C-alpha atoms as a PDB file:
ATOM      1  CA  MET A   1     -13.556  13.648   5.513  1.00  0.00           C
ATOM      2  CA  GLU A   2     -12.382  16.356   7.911  1.00  0.00           C
ATOM      3  CA  LEU A   3     -10.651  13.647   9.946  1.00  0.00           C
ATOM      4  CA  TYR A   4      -8.297  12.897   7.073  1.00  0.00           C
ATOM      5  CA  GLY A   5      -5.428  14.942   5.757  1.00  0.00           C
ATOM      6  CA  GLU A   6      -5.495  16.511   2.333  1.00  0.00           C
ATOM      7  CA  LEU A   7      -3.154  13.856   0.895  1.00  0.00           C
ATOM      8  CA  ILE A   8      -5.389  11.005   2.056  1.00  0.00           C
ATOM      9  CA  VAL A   9      -8.506  12.637   0.647  1.00  0.00           C
ATOM     10  CA  ASP A  10      -6.802  13.335  -2.696  1.00  0.00           C
ATOM     11  CA  LEU A  11      -5.396   9.810  -3.018  1.00  0.00           C
ATOM     12  CA  SER A  12      -8.734   8.246  -2.105  1.00  0.00           C
ATOM     13  CA  LYS A  13     -10.329  10.141  -4.994  1.00  0.00           C
ATOM     14  CA  HIS A  14      -7.385   9.760  -7.394  1.00  0.00           C
ATOM     15  CA  PRO A  15      -5.457   6.618  -6.440  1.00  0.00           C
ATOM     16  CA  LEU A  16      -1.990   6.031  -7.855  1.00  0.00           C
ATOM     17  CA  ASN A  17      -0.902   2.858  -9.654  1.00  0.00           C
ATOM     18  CA  LYS A  18      -4.344   1.241  -9.459  1.00  0.00           C
ATOM     19  CA  GLU A  19      -4.391  -1.270 -12.283  1.00  0.00           C
ATOM     20  CA  GLU A  20      -3.919  -4.953 -12.879  1.00  0.00           C
ATOM     21  CA  MET A  21      -0.436  -5.927 -14.011  1.00  0.00           C
ATOM     22  CA  VAL A  22      -0.173  -8.562 -16.718  1.00  0.00           C
ATOM     23  CA  LYS A  23       2.454 -11.201 -15.898  1.00  0.00           C
ATOM     24  CA  PRO A  24       3.924  -9.689 -12.723  1.00  0.00           C
ATOM     25  CA  ASP A  25       7.069 -11.210 -11.245  1.00  0.00           C
ATOM     26  CA  LEU A  26       5.452 -11.216  -7.792  1.00  0.00           C
ATOM     27  CA  SER A  27       1.919 -10.760  -6.510  1.00  0.00           C
ATOM     28  CA  ALA A  28       0.045 -11.176  -3.252  1.00  0.00           C
ATOM     29  CA  SER A  29      -3.427 -10.535  -1.855  1.00  0.00           C
ATOM     30  CA  GLY A  30      -4.545  -9.344   1.548  1.00  0.00           C
ATOM     31  CA  VAL A  31      -7.835  -8.705   3.322  1.00  0.00           C
ATOM     32  CA  ASN A  32      -8.757  -6.692   6.380  1.00  0.00           C
ATOM     33  CA  THR A  33     -11.509  -8.897   7.787  1.00  0.00           C
ATOM     34  CA  THR A  34     -12.502  -6.197  10.274  1.00  0.00           C
ATOM     35  CA  CYS A  35     -13.767  -3.759   7.664  1.00  0.00           C
ATOM     36  CA  GLY A  36     -13.607  -5.612   4.347  1.00  0.00           C
ATOM     37  CA  ASP A  37     -10.728  -3.720   2.701  1.00  0.00           C
ATOM     38  CA  HIS A  38      -8.909  -5.935   0.217  1.00  0.00           C
ATOM     39  CA  VAL A  39      -5.838  -5.431  -1.929  1.00  0.00           C
ATOM     40  CA  ARG A  40      -3.833  -7.333  -4.528  1.00  0.00           C
ATOM     41  CA  LEU A  41      -0.297  -6.075  -5.176  1.00  0.00           C
ATOM     42  CA  TYR A  42       1.702  -6.689  -8.341  1.00  0.00           C
ATOM     43  CA  LEU A  43       5.442  -6.158  -8.706  1.00  0.00           C
ATOM     44  CA  ARG A  44       7.770  -6.266 -11.646  1.00  0.00           C
ATOM     45  CA  THR A  45      11.448  -6.520 -10.730  1.00  0.00           C
ATOM     46  CA  LYS A  46      14.761  -6.214 -12.518  1.00  0.00           C
ATOM     47  CA  GLY A  47      18.150  -6.841 -10.993  1.00  0.00           C
ATOM     48  CA  GLY A  48      16.561  -7.430  -7.599  1.00  0.00           C
ATOM     49  CA  LYS A  49      14.822  -4.044  -7.539  1.00  0.00           C
ATOM     50  CA  VAL A  50      11.188  -3.079  -7.953  1.00  0.00           C
ATOM     51  CA  VAL A  51      10.748  -1.336 -11.302  1.00  0.00           C
ATOM     52  CA  GLU A  52       6.945  -1.277 -11.348  1.00  0.00           C
ATOM     53  CA  ALA A  53       4.296  -1.668  -8.652  1.00  0.00           C
ATOM     54  CA  THR A  54       0.539  -1.652  -9.164  1.00  0.00           C
ATOM     55  CA  TRP A  55      -2.507  -2.774  -7.228  1.00  0.00           C
ATOM     56  CA  GLU A  56      -6.174  -3.625  -7.405  1.00  0.00           C
ATOM     57  CA  GLY A  57      -8.746  -3.656  -4.653  1.00  0.00           C
ATOM     58  CA  ASP A  58     -11.273  -1.733  -2.659  1.00  0.00           C
ATOM     59  CA  GLY A  59     -11.086  -0.060   0.689  1.00  0.00           C
ATOM     60  CA  CYS A  60     -11.615   3.024   2.764  1.00  0.00           C
ATOM     61  CA  ALA A  61      -9.872   6.336   2.115  1.00  0.00           C
ATOM     62  CA  ILE A  62      -6.965   5.487   4.417  1.00  0.00           C
ATOM     63  CA  SER A  63      -6.408   2.046   2.890  1.00  0.00           C
ATOM     64  CA  THR A  64      -6.524   3.430  -0.659  1.00  0.00           C
ATOM     65  CA  ALA A  65      -4.132   6.267   0.167  1.00  0.00           C
ATOM     66  CA  ALA A  66      -1.725   3.911   1.937  1.00  0.00           C
ATOM     67  CA  VAL A  67      -1.439   1.470  -0.971  1.00  0.00           C
ATOM     68  CA  SER A  68      -1.093   4.368  -3.429  1.00  0.00           C
ATOM     69  CA  VAL A  69       1.806   5.857  -1.462  1.00  0.00           C
ATOM     70  CA  LEU A  70       3.390   2.458  -0.839  1.00  0.00           C
ATOM     71  CA  THR A  71       3.450   1.535  -4.532  1.00  0.00           C
ATOM     72  CA  GLU A  72       5.168   4.851  -5.288  1.00  0.00           C
ATOM     73  CA  GLU A  73       7.713   4.602  -2.480  1.00  0.00           C
ATOM     74  CA  ILE A  74       8.901   1.056  -3.224  1.00  0.00           C
ATOM     75  CA  LYS A  75       9.899   1.743  -6.813  1.00  0.00           C
ATOM     76  CA  GLY A  76      13.663   1.412  -7.082  1.00  0.00           C
ATOM     77  CA  LYS A  77      13.982  -0.414  -3.758  1.00  0.00           C
ATOM     78  CA  THR A  78      15.267  -3.955  -3.360  1.00  0.00           C
ATOM     79  CA  ILE A  79      13.032  -6.739  -2.127  1.00  0.00           C
ATOM     80  CA  ALA A  80      15.243  -6.917   0.979  1.00  0.00           C
ATOM     81  CA  ALA A  81      14.647  -3.201   1.627  1.00  0.00           C
ATOM     82  CA  ILE A  82      10.872  -3.459   1.314  1.00  0.00           C
ATOM     83  CA  GLN A  83      10.881  -6.330   3.800  1.00  0.00           C
ATOM     84  CA  LYS A  84      12.339  -3.883   6.347  1.00  0.00           C
ATOM     85  CA  LEU A  85       9.652  -1.204   5.931  1.00  0.00           C
ATOM     86  CA  ARG A  86       7.629  -0.462   9.062  1.00  0.00           C
ATOM     87  CA  LYS A  87       4.145   0.872   9.669  1.00  0.00           C
ATOM     88  CA  GLU A  88       5.782   4.073  10.919  1.00  0.00           C
ATOM     89  CA  ASP A  89       7.147   4.621   7.399  1.00  0.00           C
ATOM     90  CA  LEU A  90       3.612   4.547   6.009  1.00  0.00           C
ATOM     91  CA  PHE A  91       2.372   6.900   8.721  1.00  0.00           C
ATOM     92  CA  GLU A  92       5.164   9.323   7.852  1.00  0.00           C
ATOM     93  CA  TRP A  93       4.507   9.162   4.108  1.00  0.00           C
ATOM     94  CA  LEU A  94       0.805   9.801   4.736  1.00  0.00           C
ATOM     95  CA  GLY A  95       1.403  12.576   7.258  1.00  0.00           C
ATOM     96  CA  ILE A  96      -0.471  10.729  10.018  1.00  0.00           C
ATOM     97  CA  ASP A  97       0.487  11.125  13.672  1.00  0.00           C
ATOM     98  CA  THR A  98      -2.003   8.780  15.305  1.00  0.00           C
ATOM     99  CA  LEU A  99      -4.996   6.637  14.476  1.00  0.00           C
ATOM    100  CA  GLY A 100      -7.372   4.528  16.502  1.00  0.00           C
ATOM    101  CA  PRO A 101      -6.514   0.815  16.698  1.00  0.00           C
ATOM    102  CA  ALA A 102      -9.162  -0.215  14.176  1.00  0.00           C
ATOM    103  CA  ARG A 103      -7.847   2.265  11.582  1.00  0.00           C
ATOM    104  CA  VAL A 104      -4.194   1.205  11.943  1.00  0.00           C
ATOM    105  CA  LYS A 105      -5.059  -2.005  10.086  1.00  0.00           C
ATOM    106  CA  CYS A 106      -6.389   0.133   7.218  1.00  0.00           C
ATOM    107  CA  VAL A 107      -2.905   1.635   6.846  1.00  0.00           C
ATOM    108  CA  THR A 108      -0.945  -1.568   7.362  1.00  0.00           C
ATOM    109  CA  LEU A 109      -2.940  -3.932   5.126  1.00  0.00           C
ATOM    110  CA  CYS A 110      -0.898  -3.029   2.050  1.00  0.00           C
ATOM    111  CA  LEU A 111       2.410  -3.317   3.920  1.00  0.00           C
ATOM    112  CA  GLU A 112       1.523  -6.703   5.386  1.00  0.00           C
ATOM    113  CA  THR A 113       0.469  -7.881   1.929  1.00  0.00           C
ATOM    114  CA  LEU A 114       3.691  -6.570   0.386  1.00  0.00           C
ATOM    115  CA  GLN A 115       5.815  -8.267   2.994  1.00  0.00           C
ATOM    116  CA  SER A 116       4.023 -11.589   2.421  1.00  0.00           C
ATOM    117  CA  LEU A 117       5.619 -11.757  -1.043  1.00  0.00           C
ATOM    118  CA  ARG A 118       8.179 -14.500  -1.250  1.00  0.00           C
END
């Protein structure tokens, strides 16, 4: 775990917003076929803004930390705003400068899943 920052390690052990949402307004699933990470996102909206975001799934420390941070950061944002989020936003929120190509997908799985919501 020395490769990972303190935030990533903490969130992998104590993930945020990890629970099934009953009757979400929007939901989507995604899988990283390279390593087997999988995530299902649930959103509740009001007035075009995200008021609650939760998730279920399993993945590596980076994937778990990324979806935890993402579900926190999107609260209060419009659907249009979350469609404009970039992988660089996740890297910033996680305090990551660089990752190998295979690990980038671990970070971006949750964002790609989020942005597949229609």
